[in-house]
Amino acid sequence: PSASAFMSGGPEDPENVLLEVDGDTAQLWESPGKLGMLVTMAK
């Protein structure tokens, strides 16, 4: 349903295509959580 909300036509419309992304690398920054972020900012 989200696709229908943002794109005209349907899955059979030849103008609707996929972008396929093959990831090579990723970087991850884990969140300390809201409390941890507030403590870090306060310090």
PDB file of all heavy atoms in Angstrom:
ATOM      1  N   PRO A   1       0.805  -1.235   0.000  1.00  0.00           N
ATOM      2  CA  PRO A   1       0.000   0.000   0.000  1.00  0.00           C
ATOM      3  C   PRO A   1       0.835   1.282   0.000  1.00  0.00           C
ATOM      4  O   PRO A   1       0.434   2.274  -0.594  1.00  0.00           O
ATOM      5  CB  PRO A   1      -0.839  -0.119   1.266  1.00  0.00           C
ATOM      6  CG  PRO A   1      -0.969  -1.590   1.494  1.00  0.00           C
ATOM      7  CD  PRO A   1       0.348  -2.169   1.041  1.00  0.00           C
ATOM      8  N   SER A   2       2.003   1.256   0.634  1.00  0.00           N
ATOM      9  CA  SER A   2       2.833   2.475   0.636  1.00  0.00           C
ATOM     10  C   SER A   2       3.319   2.804  -0.775  1.00  0.00           C
ATOM     11  O   SER A   2       3.451   3.971  -1.135  1.00  0.00           O
ATOM     12  CB  SER A   2       4.016   2.329   1.589  1.00  0.00           C
ATOM     13  OG  SER A   2       4.946   1.375   1.115  1.00  0.00           O
ATOM     14  N   ALA A   3       3.574   1.786  -1.578  1.00  0.00           N
ATOM     15  CA  ALA A   3       4.002   2.029  -2.966  1.00  0.00           C
ATOM     16  C   ALA A   3       2.879   2.708  -3.740  1.00  0.00           C
ATOM     17  O   ALA A   3       3.116   3.658  -4.500  1.00  0.00           O
ATOM     18  CB  ALA A   3       4.412   0.730  -3.638  1.00  0.00           C
ATOM     19  N   SER A   4       1.653   2.229  -3.544  1.00  0.00           N
ATOM     20  CA  SER A   4       0.503   2.833  -4.234  1.00  0.00           C
ATOM     21  C   SER A   4       0.289   4.284  -3.813  1.00  0.00           C
ATOM     22  O   SER A   4      -0.193   5.094  -4.598  1.00  0.00           O
ATOM     23  CB  SER A   4      -0.765   2.021  -3.946  1.00  0.00           C
ATOM     24  OG  SER A   4      -0.651   0.730  -4.509  1.00  0.00           O
ATOM     25  N   ALA A   5       0.652   4.604  -2.573  1.00  0.00           N
ATOM     26  CA  ALA A   5       0.484   5.973  -2.078  1.00  0.00           C
ATOM     27  C   ALA A   5       1.465   6.943  -2.728  1.00  0.00           C
ATOM     28  O   ALA A   5       1.164   8.123  -2.882  1.00  0.00           O
ATOM     29  CB  ALA A   5       0.646   6.002  -0.563  1.00  0.00           C
ATOM     30  N   PHE A   6       2.647   6.445  -3.129  1.00  0.00           N
ATOM     31  CA  PHE A   6       3.680   7.335  -3.647  1.00  0.00           C
ATOM     32  C   PHE A   6       3.942   7.189  -5.144  1.00  0.00           C
ATOM     33  O   PHE A   6       4.635   8.007  -5.729  1.00  0.00           O
ATOM     34  CB  PHE A   6       4.998   7.117  -2.893  1.00  0.00           C
ATOM     35  CG  PHE A   6       4.950   7.604  -1.476  1.00  0.00           C
ATOM     36  CD1 PHE A   6       4.687   6.728  -0.440  1.00  0.00           C
ATOM     37  CD2 PHE A   6       5.139   8.942  -1.184  1.00  0.00           C
ATOM     38  CE1 PHE A   6       4.629   7.177   0.862  1.00  0.00           C
ATOM     39  CE2 PHE A   6       5.077   9.406   0.117  1.00  0.00           C
ATOM     40  CZ  PHE A   6       4.822   8.518   1.152  1.00  0.00           C
ATOM     41  N   MET A   7       3.401   6.144  -5.762  1.00  0.00           N
ATOM     42  CA  MET A   7       3.700   5.903  -7.173  1.00  0.00           C
ATOM     43  C   MET A   7       2.417   5.701  -7.951  1.00  0.00           C
ATOM     44  O   MET A   7       1.481   5.068  -7.470  1.00  0.00           O
ATOM     45  CB  MET A   7       4.596   4.671  -7.306  1.00  0.00           C
ATOM     46  CG  MET A   7       5.930   4.856  -6.595  1.00  0.00           C
ATOM     47  SD  MET A   7       6.986   3.409  -6.673  1.00  0.00           S
ATOM     48  CE  MET A   7       7.362   3.354  -8.404  1.00  0.00           C
ATOM     49  N   SER A   8       2.396   6.216  -9.175  1.00  0.00           N
ATOM     50  CA  SER A   8       1.216   6.026 -10.017  1.00  0.00           C
ATOM     51  C   SER A   8       1.285   4.654 -10.678  1.00  0.00           C
ATOM     52  O   SER A   8       2.335   4.018 -10.740  1.00  0.00           O
ATOM     53  CB  SER A   8       1.138   7.136 -11.072  1.00  0.00           C
ATOM     54  OG  SER A   8       2.292   7.114 -11.884  1.00  0.00           O
ATOM     55  N   GLY A   9       0.151   4.213 -11.165  1.00  0.00           N
ATOM     56  CA  GLY A   9       0.103   2.890 -11.776  1.00  0.00           C
ATOM     57  C   GLY A   9       0.164   1.826 -10.700  1.00  0.00           C
ATOM     58  O   GLY A   9      -0.075   2.072  -9.532  1.00  0.00           O
ATOM     59  N   GLY A  10       0.530   0.672 -11.077  1.00  0.00           N
ATOM     60  CA  GLY A  10       0.651  -0.434 -10.139  1.00  0.00           C
ATOM     61  C   GLY A  10       1.879  -1.241 -10.481  1.00  0.00           C
ATOM     62  O   GLY A  10       2.713  -0.819 -11.286  1.00  0.00           O
ATOM     63  N   PRO A  11       2.004  -2.422  -9.904  1.00  0.00           N
ATOM     64  CA  PRO A  11       3.197  -3.225 -10.165  1.00  0.00           C
ATOM     65  C   PRO A  11       3.325  -3.657 -11.629  1.00  0.00           C
ATOM     66  O   PRO A  11       4.428  -3.966 -12.087  1.00  0.00           O
ATOM     67  CB  PRO A  11       3.029  -4.429  -9.245  1.00  0.00           C
ATOM     68  CG  PRO A  11       1.593  -4.457  -8.873  1.00  0.00           C
ATOM     69  CD  PRO A  11       1.084  -3.051  -8.974  1.00  0.00           C
ATOM     70  N   GLU A  12       2.217  -3.626 -12.361  1.00  0.00           N
ATOM     71  CA  GLU A  12       2.281  -4.020 -13.772  1.00  0.00           C
ATOM     72  C   GLU A  12       2.710  -2.877 -14.688  1.00  0.00           C
ATOM     73  O   GLU A  12       3.041  -3.095 -15.857  1.00  0.00           O
ATOM     74  CB  GLU A  12       0.909  -4.569 -14.227  1.00  0.00           C
ATOM     75  CG  GLU A  12      -0.201  -3.541 -14.251  1.00  0.00           C
ATOM     76  CD  GLU A  12      -0.762  -3.140 -12.875  1.00  0.00           C
ATOM     77  OE1 GLU A  12      -0.562  -3.881 -11.897  1.00  0.00           O
ATOM     78  OE2 GLU A  12      -1.381  -2.068 -12.795  1.00  0.00           O
ATOM     79  N   ASP A  13       2.734  -1.638 -14.178  1.00  0.00           N
ATOM     80  CA  ASP A  13       3.142  -0.467 -14.962  1.00  0.00           C
ATOM     81  C   ASP A  13       4.629  -0.598 -15.310  1.00  0.00           C
ATOM     82  O   ASP A  13       5.471  -0.662 -14.411  1.00  0.00           O
ATOM     83  CB  ASP A  13       2.884   0.800 -14.148  1.00  0.00           C
ATOM     84  CG  ASP A  13       3.193   2.075 -14.910  1.00  0.00           C
ATOM     85  OD1 ASP A  13       4.015   2.061 -15.851  1.00  0.00           O
ATOM     86  OD2 ASP A  13       2.607   3.111 -14.549  1.00  0.00           O
ATOM     87  N   PRO A  14       4.993  -0.616 -16.588  1.00  0.00           N
ATOM     88  CA  PRO A  14       6.394  -0.810 -16.969  1.00  0.00           C
ATOM     89  C   PRO A  14       7.321   0.314 -16.513  1.00  0.00           C
ATOM     90  O   PRO A  14       8.539   0.139 -16.484  1.00  0.00           O
ATOM     91  CB  PRO A  14       6.354  -0.917 -18.497  1.00  0.00           C
ATOM     92  CG  PRO A  14       5.050  -0.331 -18.911  1.00  0.00           C
ATOM     93  CD  PRO A  14       4.108  -0.499 -17.758  1.00  0.00           C
ATOM     94  N   GLU A  15       6.756   1.474 -16.153  1.00  0.00           N
ATOM     95  CA  GLU A  15       7.600   2.565 -15.655  1.00  0.00           C
ATOM     96  C   GLU A  15       7.998   2.358 -14.189  1.00  0.00           C
ATOM     97  O   GLU A  15       8.918   2.998 -13.701  1.00  0.00           O
ATOM     98  CB  GLU A  15       6.889   3.921 -15.814  1.00  0.00           C
ATOM     99  CG  GLU A  15       6.871   4.420 -17.242  1.00  0.00           C
ATOM    100  CD  GLU A  15       8.271   4.666 -17.802  1.00  0.00           C
ATOM    101  OE1 GLU A  15       9.124   5.261 -17.117  1.00  0.00           O
ATOM    102  OE2 GLU A  15       8.523   4.249 -18.952  1.00  0.00           O
ATOM    103  N   ASN A  16       7.290   1.480 -13.478  1.00  0.00           N
ATOM    104  CA  ASN A  16       7.638   1.186 -12.093  1.00  0.00           C
ATOM    105  C   ASN A  16       8.678   0.076 -12.078  1.00  0.00           C
ATOM    106  O   ASN A  16       8.436  -1.018 -12.580  1.00  0.00           O
ATOM    107  CB  ASN A  16       6.395   0.781 -11.293  1.00  0.00           C
ATOM    108  CG  ASN A  16       5.448   1.946 -11.114  1.00  0.00           C
ATOM    109  OD1 ASN A  16       5.867   3.093 -11.061  1.00  0.00           O
ATOM    110  ND2 ASN A  16       4.167   1.659 -11.037  1.00  0.00           N
ATOM    111  N   VAL A  17       9.849   0.390 -11.525  1.00  0.00           N
ATOM    112  CA  VAL A  17      10.972  -0.546 -11.518  1.00  0.00           C
ATOM    113  C   VAL A  17      11.574  -0.610 -10.114  1.00  0.00           C
ATOM    114  O   VAL A  17      11.192   0.152  -9.224  1.00  0.00           O
ATOM    115  CB  VAL A  17      12.058  -0.137 -12.539  1.00  0.00           C
ATOM    116  CG1 VAL A  17      11.514  -0.188 -13.969  1.00  0.00           C
ATOM    117  CG2 VAL A  17      12.622   1.241 -12.227  1.00  0.00           C
ATOM    118  N   LEU A  18      12.522  -1.481  -9.968  1.00  0.00           N
ATOM    119  CA  LEU A  18      13.246  -1.616  -8.710  1.00  0.00           C
ATOM    120  C   LEU A  18      14.650  -1.055  -8.848  1.00  0.00           C
ATOM    121  O   LEU A  18      15.273  -1.173  -9.908  1.00  0.00           O
ATOM    122  CB  LEU A  18      13.372  -3.092  -8.335  1.00  0.00           C
ATOM    123  CG  LEU A  18      12.097  -3.816  -7.971  1.00  0.00           C
ATOM    124  CD1 LEU A  18      12.312  -5.321  -8.029  1.00  0.00           C
ATOM    125  CD2 LEU A  18      11.627  -3.386  -6.596  1.00  0.00           C
ATOM    126  N   LEU A  19      15.119  -0.449  -7.773  1.00  0.00           N
ATOM    127  CA  LEU A  19      16.545  -0.182  -7.629  1.00  0.00           C
ATOM    128  C   LEU A  19      17.034  -1.246  -6.661  1.00  0.00           C
ATOM    129  O   LEU A  19      16.547  -1.337  -5.532  1.00  0.00           O
ATOM    130  CB  LEU A  19      16.815   1.200  -7.041  1.00  0.00           C
ATOM    131  CG  LEU A  19      16.806   2.374  -7.980  1.00  0.00           C
ATOM    132  CD1 LEU A  19      17.110   3.658  -7.220  1.00  0.00           C
ATOM    133  CD2 LEU A  19      17.795   2.191  -9.115  1.00  0.00           C
ATOM    134  N   GLU A  20      17.942  -2.054  -7.110  1.00  0.00           N
ATOM    135  CA  GLU A  20      18.524  -3.099  -6.280  1.00  0.00           C
ATOM    136  C   GLU A  20      19.902  -2.613  -5.859  1.00  0.00           C
ATOM    137  O   GLU A  20      20.735  -2.281  -6.702  1.00  0.00           O
ATOM    138  CB  GLU A  20      18.633  -4.389  -7.091  1.00  0.00           C
ATOM    139  CG  GLU A  20      19.236  -5.535  -6.353  1.00  0.00           C
ATOM    140  CD  GLU A  20      19.331  -6.789  -7.202  1.00  0.00           C
ATOM    141  OE1 GLU A  20      18.814  -6.804  -8.347  1.00  0.00           O
ATOM    142  OE2 GLU A  20      19.937  -7.751  -6.725  1.00  0.00           O
ATOM    143  N   VAL A  21      20.132  -2.532  -4.556  1.00  0.00           N
ATOM    144  CA  VAL A  21      21.423  -2.079  -4.047  1.00  0.00           C
ATOM    145  C   VAL A  21      22.134  -3.260  -3.406  1.00  0.00           C
ATOM    146  O   VAL A  21      21.612  -3.888  -2.482  1.00  0.00           O
ATOM    147  CB  VAL A  21      21.265  -0.938  -3.021  1.00  0.00           C
ATOM    148  CG1 VAL A  21      22.627  -0.525  -2.458  1.00  0.00           C
ATOM    149  CG2 VAL A  21      20.566   0.267  -3.647  1.00  0.00           C
ATOM    150  N   ASP A  22      23.311  -3.553  -3.926  1.00  0.00           N
ATOM    151  CA  ASP A  22      24.172  -4.583  -3.346  1.00  0.00           C
ATOM    152  C   ASP A  22      25.198  -3.860  -2.476  1.00  0.00           C
ATOM    153  O   ASP A  22      26.052  -3.130  -2.988  1.00  0.00           O
ATOM    154  CB  ASP A  22      24.871  -5.390  -4.441  1.00  0.00           C
ATOM    155  CG  ASP A  22      23.886  -6.231  -5.243  1.00  0.00           C
ATOM    156  OD1 ASP A  22      22.970  -6.803  -4.628  1.00  0.00           O
ATOM    157  OD2 ASP A  22      24.031  -6.296  -6.476  1.00  0.00           O
ATOM    158  N   GLY A  23      25.066  -4.044  -1.163  1.00  0.00           N
ATOM    159  CA  GLY A  23      25.953  -3.369  -0.226  1.00  0.00           C
ATOM    160  C   GLY A  23      27.321  -4.023  -0.168  1.00  0.00           C
ATOM    161  O   GLY A  23      27.434  -5.251  -0.147  1.00  0.00           O
ATOM    162  N   ASP A  24      28.350  -3.194  -0.162  1.00  0.00           N
ATOM    163  CA  ASP A  24      29.729  -3.671  -0.037  1.00  0.00           C
ATOM    164  C   ASP A  24      30.207  -3.548   1.404  1.00  0.00           C
ATOM    165  O   ASP A  24      30.804  -4.459   1.950  1.00  0.00           O
ATOM    166  CB  ASP A  24      30.671  -2.863  -0.936  1.00  0.00           C
ATOM    167  CG  ASP A  24      30.317  -2.973  -2.406  1.00  0.00           C
ATOM    168  OD1 ASP A  24      29.966  -4.083  -2.851  1.00  0.00           O
ATOM    169  OD2 ASP A  24      30.375  -1.941  -3.097  1.00  0.00           O
ATOM    170  N   THR A  25      29.971  -2.360   1.983  1.00  0.00           N
ATOM    171  CA  THR A  25      30.403  -2.088   3.349  1.00  0.00           C
ATOM    172  C   THR A  25      29.319  -1.314   4.083  1.00  0.00           C
ATOM    173  O   THR A  25      28.457  -0.690   3.465  1.00  0.00           O
ATOM    174  CB  THR A  25      31.703  -1.251   3.385  1.00  0.00           C
ATOM    175  OG1 THR A  25      31.455   0.009   2.754  1.00  0.00           O
ATOM    176  CG2 THR A  25      32.854  -1.955   2.699  1.00  0.00           C
ATOM    177  N   ALA A  26      29.408  -1.370   5.398  1.00  0.00           N
ATOM    178  CA  ALA A  26      28.492  -0.586   6.234  1.00  0.00           C
ATOM    179  C   ALA A  26      29.272  -0.041   7.416  1.00  0.00           C
ATOM    180  O   ALA A  26      30.250  -0.641   7.861  1.00  0.00           O
ATOM    181  CB  ALA A  26      27.333  -1.453   6.722  1.00  0.00           C
ATOM    182  N   GLN A  27      28.829   1.096   7.891  1.00  0.00           N
ATOM    183  CA  GLN A  27      29.343   1.650   9.127  1.00  0.00           C
ATOM    184  C   GLN A  27      28.165   1.719  10.081  1.00  0.00           C
ATOM    185  O   GLN A  27      27.054   2.082   9.687  1.00  0.00           O
ATOM    186  CB  GLN A  27      29.936   3.040   8.921  1.00  0.00           C
ATOM    187  CG  GLN A  27      31.244   3.009   8.152  1.00  0.00           C
ATOM    188  CD  GLN A  27      31.806   4.400   7.978  1.00  0.00           C
ATOM    189  OE1 GLN A  27      31.390   5.105   7.072  1.00  0.00           O
ATOM    190  NE2 GLN A  27      32.709   4.788   8.852  1.00  0.00           N
ATOM    191  N   LEU A  28      28.398   1.387  11.347  1.00  0.00           N
ATOM    192  CA  LEU A  28      27.358   1.369  12.363  1.00  0.00           C
ATOM    193  C   LEU A  28      27.800   2.205  13.552  1.00  0.00           C
ATOM    194  O   LEU A  28      28.897   2.013  14.079  1.00  0.00           O
ATOM    195  CB  LEU A  28      27.103  -0.075  12.825  1.00  0.00           C
ATOM    196  CG  LEU A  28      26.262  -0.259  14.091  1.00  0.00           C
ATOM    197  CD1 LEU A  28      24.830   0.186  13.858  1.00  0.00           C
ATOM    198  CD2 LEU A  28      26.313  -1.709  14.557  1.00  0.00           C
ATOM    199  N   TRP A  29      26.961   3.144  13.927  1.00  0.00           N
ATOM    200  CA  TRP A  29      27.136   3.892  15.158  1.00  0.00           C
ATOM    201  C   TRP A  29      25.958   3.521  16.041  1.00  0.00           C
ATOM    202  O   TRP A  29      24.810   3.841  15.707  1.00  0.00           O
ATOM    203  CB  TRP A  29      27.122   5.406  14.922  1.00  0.00           C
ATOM    204  CG  TRP A  29      28.284   5.913  14.118  1.00  0.00           C
ATOM    205  CD1 TRP A  29      29.462   6.395  14.597  1.00  0.00           C
ATOM    206  CD2 TRP A  29      28.369   6.018  12.692  1.00  0.00           C
ATOM    207  NE1 TRP A  29      30.271   6.784  13.556  1.00  0.00           N
ATOM    208  CE2 TRP A  29      29.614   6.561  12.368  1.00  0.00           C
ATOM    209  CE3 TRP A  29      27.495   5.686  11.651  1.00  0.00           C
ATOM    210  CZ2 TRP A  29      30.020   6.798  11.063  1.00  0.00           C
ATOM    211  CZ3 TRP A  29      27.896   5.913  10.362  1.00  0.00           C
ATOM    212  CH2 TRP A  29      29.147   6.471  10.080  1.00  0.00           C
ATOM    213  N   GLU A  30      26.222   2.824  17.135  1.00  0.00           N
ATOM    214  CA  GLU A  30      25.133   2.434  18.023  1.00  0.00           C
ATOM    215  C   GLU A  30      24.749   3.611  18.906  1.00  0.00           C
ATOM    216  O   GLU A  30      25.600   4.367  19.374  1.00  0.00           O
ATOM    217  CB  GLU A  30      25.525   1.231  18.872  1.00  0.00           C
ATOM    218  CG  GLU A  30      25.607  -0.047  18.061  1.00  0.00           C
ATOM    219  CD  GLU A  30      25.757  -1.266  18.920  1.00  0.00           C
ATOM    220  OE1 GLU A  30      24.765  -1.648  19.573  1.00  0.00           O
ATOM    221  OE2 GLU A  30      26.873  -1.822  18.927  1.00  0.00           O
ATOM    222  N   SER A  31      23.466   3.752  19.143  1.00  0.00           N
ATOM    223  CA  SER A  31      22.954   4.827  19.977  1.00  0.00           C
ATOM    224  C   SER A  31      23.127   4.464  21.450  1.00  0.00           C
ATOM    225  O   SER A  31      22.840   3.339  21.850  1.00  0.00           O
ATOM    226  CB  SER A  31      21.462   5.055  19.689  1.00  0.00           C
ATOM    227  OG  SER A  31      20.933   5.970  20.627  1.00  0.00           O
ATOM    228  N   PRO A  32      23.574   5.430  22.259  1.00  0.00           N
ATOM    229  CA  PRO A  32      23.663   5.158  23.691  1.00  0.00           C
ATOM    230  C   PRO A  32      22.297   5.245  24.374  1.00  0.00           C
ATOM    231  O   PRO A  32      22.197   5.077  25.579  1.00  0.00           O
ATOM    232  CB  PRO A  32      24.605   6.256  24.189  1.00  0.00           C
ATOM    233  CG  PRO A  32      24.366   7.395  23.251  1.00  0.00           C
ATOM    234  CD  PRO A  32      24.071   6.737  21.917  1.00  0.00           C
ATOM    235  N   GLY A  33      21.268   5.528  23.598  1.00  0.00           N
ATOM    236  CA  GLY A  33      19.936   5.721  24.174  1.00  0.00           C
ATOM    237  C   GLY A  33      19.755   7.173  24.563  1.00  0.00           C
ATOM    238  O   GLY A  33      20.709   7.953  24.625  1.00  0.00           O
ATOM    239  N   LYS A  34      18.529   7.559  24.826  1.00  0.00           N
ATOM    240  CA  LYS A  34      18.240   8.969  25.128  1.00  0.00           C
ATOM    241  C   LYS A  34      18.935   9.429  26.402  1.00  0.00           C
ATOM    242  O   LYS A  34      19.520  10.504  26.447  1.00  0.00           O
ATOM    243  CB  LYS A  34      16.737   9.176  25.215  1.00  0.00           C
ATOM    244  CG  LYS A  34      16.046   9.054  23.878  1.00  0.00           C
ATOM    245  CD  LYS A  34      14.569   9.268  23.990  1.00  0.00           C
ATOM    246  CE  LYS A  34      13.936   9.058  22.611  1.00  0.00           C
ATOM    247  NZ  LYS A  34      12.502   9.164  22.642  1.00  0.00           N
ATOM    248  N   LEU A  35      18.873   8.614  27.463  1.00  0.00           N
ATOM    249  CA  LEU A  35      19.505   9.003  28.718  1.00  0.00           C
ATOM    250  C   LEU A  35      21.007   9.107  28.549  1.00  0.00           C
ATOM    251  O   LEU A  35      21.630  10.079  28.994  1.00  0.00           O
ATOM    252  CB  LEU A  35      19.150   8.005  29.826  1.00  0.00           C
ATOM    253  CG  LEU A  35      19.737   8.316  31.201  1.00  0.00           C
ATOM    254  CD1 LEU A  35      19.268   9.689  31.685  1.00  0.00           C
ATOM    255  CD2 LEU A  35      19.358   7.241  32.204  1.00  0.00           C
ATOM    256  N   GLY A  36      21.613   8.133  27.875  1.00  0.00           N
ATOM    257  CA  GLY A  36      23.053   8.163  27.641  1.00  0.00           C
ATOM    258  C   GLY A  36      23.465   9.384  26.838  1.00  0.00           C
ATOM    259  O   GLY A  36      24.494  10.001  27.107  1.00  0.00           O
ATOM    260  N   MET A  37      22.660   9.766  25.846  1.00  0.00           N
ATOM    261  CA  MET A  37      22.951  10.933  25.025  1.00  0.00           C
ATOM    262  C   MET A  37      22.869  12.211  25.867  1.00  0.00           C
ATOM    263  O   MET A  37      23.720  13.091  25.758  1.00  0.00           O
ATOM    264  CB  MET A  37      21.981  11.013  23.842  1.00  0.00           C
ATOM    265  CG  MET A  37      22.303  12.106  22.851  1.00  0.00           C
ATOM    266  SD  MET A  37      23.834  11.847  21.961  1.00  0.00           S
ATOM    267  CE  MET A  37      23.334  10.607  20.808  1.00  0.00           C
ATOM    268  N   LEU A  38      21.859  12.301  26.732  1.00  0.00           N
ATOM    269  CA  LEU A  38      21.711  13.475  27.596  1.00  0.00           C
ATOM    270  C   LEU A  38      22.884  13.609  28.558  1.00  0.00           C
ATOM    271  O   LEU A  38      23.401  14.703  28.787  1.00  0.00           O
ATOM    272  CB  LEU A  38      20.392  13.409  28.361  1.00  0.00           C
ATOM    273  CG  LEU A  38      19.135  13.644  27.533  1.00  0.00           C
ATOM    274  CD1 LEU A  38      17.887  13.388  28.383  1.00  0.00           C
ATOM    275  CD2 LEU A  38      19.101  15.061  26.970  1.00  0.00           C
ATOM    276  N   VAL A  39      23.341  12.500  29.133  1.00  0.00           N
ATOM    277  CA  VAL A  39      24.489  12.521  30.046  1.00  0.00           C
ATOM    278  C   VAL A  39      25.737  12.979  29.309  1.00  0.00           C
ATOM    279  O   VAL A  39      26.488  13.831  29.797  1.00  0.00           O
ATOM    280  CB  VAL A  39      24.696  11.136  30.704  1.00  0.00           C
ATOM    281  CG1 VAL A  39      26.024  11.073  31.443  1.00  0.00           C
ATOM    282  CG2 VAL A  39      23.542  10.811  31.642  1.00  0.00           C
ATOM    283  N   THR A  40      25.962  12.435  28.119  1.00  0.00           N
ATOM    284  CA  THR A  40      27.122  12.820  27.315  1.00  0.00           C
ATOM    285  C   THR A  40      27.085  14.306  26.980  1.00  0.00           C
ATOM    286  O   THR A  40      28.094  15.012  27.096  1.00  0.00           O
ATOM    287  CB  THR A  40      27.177  11.989  26.020  1.00  0.00           C
ATOM    288  OG1 THR A  40      27.281  10.617  26.366  1.00  0.00           O
ATOM    289  CG2 THR A  40      28.355  12.391  25.144  1.00  0.00           C
ATOM    290  N   MET A  41      25.905  14.801  26.582  1.00  0.00           N
ATOM    291  CA  MET A  41      25.777  16.230  26.260  1.00  0.00           C
ATOM    292  C   MET A  41      26.004  17.098  27.493  1.00  0.00           C
ATOM    293  O   MET A  41      26.673  18.127  27.417  1.00  0.00           O
ATOM    294  CB  MET A  41      24.393  16.505  25.652  1.00  0.00           C
ATOM    295  CG  MET A  41      24.243  15.959  24.248  1.00  0.00           C
ATOM    296  SD  MET A  41      22.583  16.145  23.581  1.00  0.00           S
ATOM    297  CE  MET A  41      22.390  17.921  23.594  1.00  0.00           C
ATOM    298  N   ALA A  42      25.459  16.700  28.632  1.00  0.00           N
ATOM    299  CA  ALA A  42      25.619  17.471  29.861  1.00  0.00           C
ATOM    300  C   ALA A  42      27.088  17.549  30.265  1.00  0.00           C
ATOM    301  O   ALA A  42      27.584  18.617  30.635  1.00  0.00           O
ATOM    302  CB  ALA A  42      24.781  16.856  30.987  1.00  0.00           C
ATOM    303  N   LYS A  43      27.805  16.431  30.179  1.00  0.00           N
ATOM    304  CA  LYS A  43      29.231  16.422  30.507  1.00  0.00           C
ATOM    305  C   LYS A  43      30.005  17.335  29.560  1.00  0.00           C
ATOM    306  O   LYS A  43      30.908  18.059  29.972  1.00  0.00           O
ATOM    307  CB  LYS A  43      29.792  15.004  30.436  1.00  0.00           C
ATOM    308  CG  LYS A  43      29.408  14.130  31.603  1.00  0.00           C
ATOM    309  CD  LYS A  43      30.068  12.758  31.459  1.00  0.00           C
ATOM    310  CE  LYS A  43      29.763  11.867  32.629  1.00  0.00           C
ATOM    311  NZ  LYS A  43      30.406  10.545  32.480  1.00  0.00           N
TER     312      LYS A  43
END
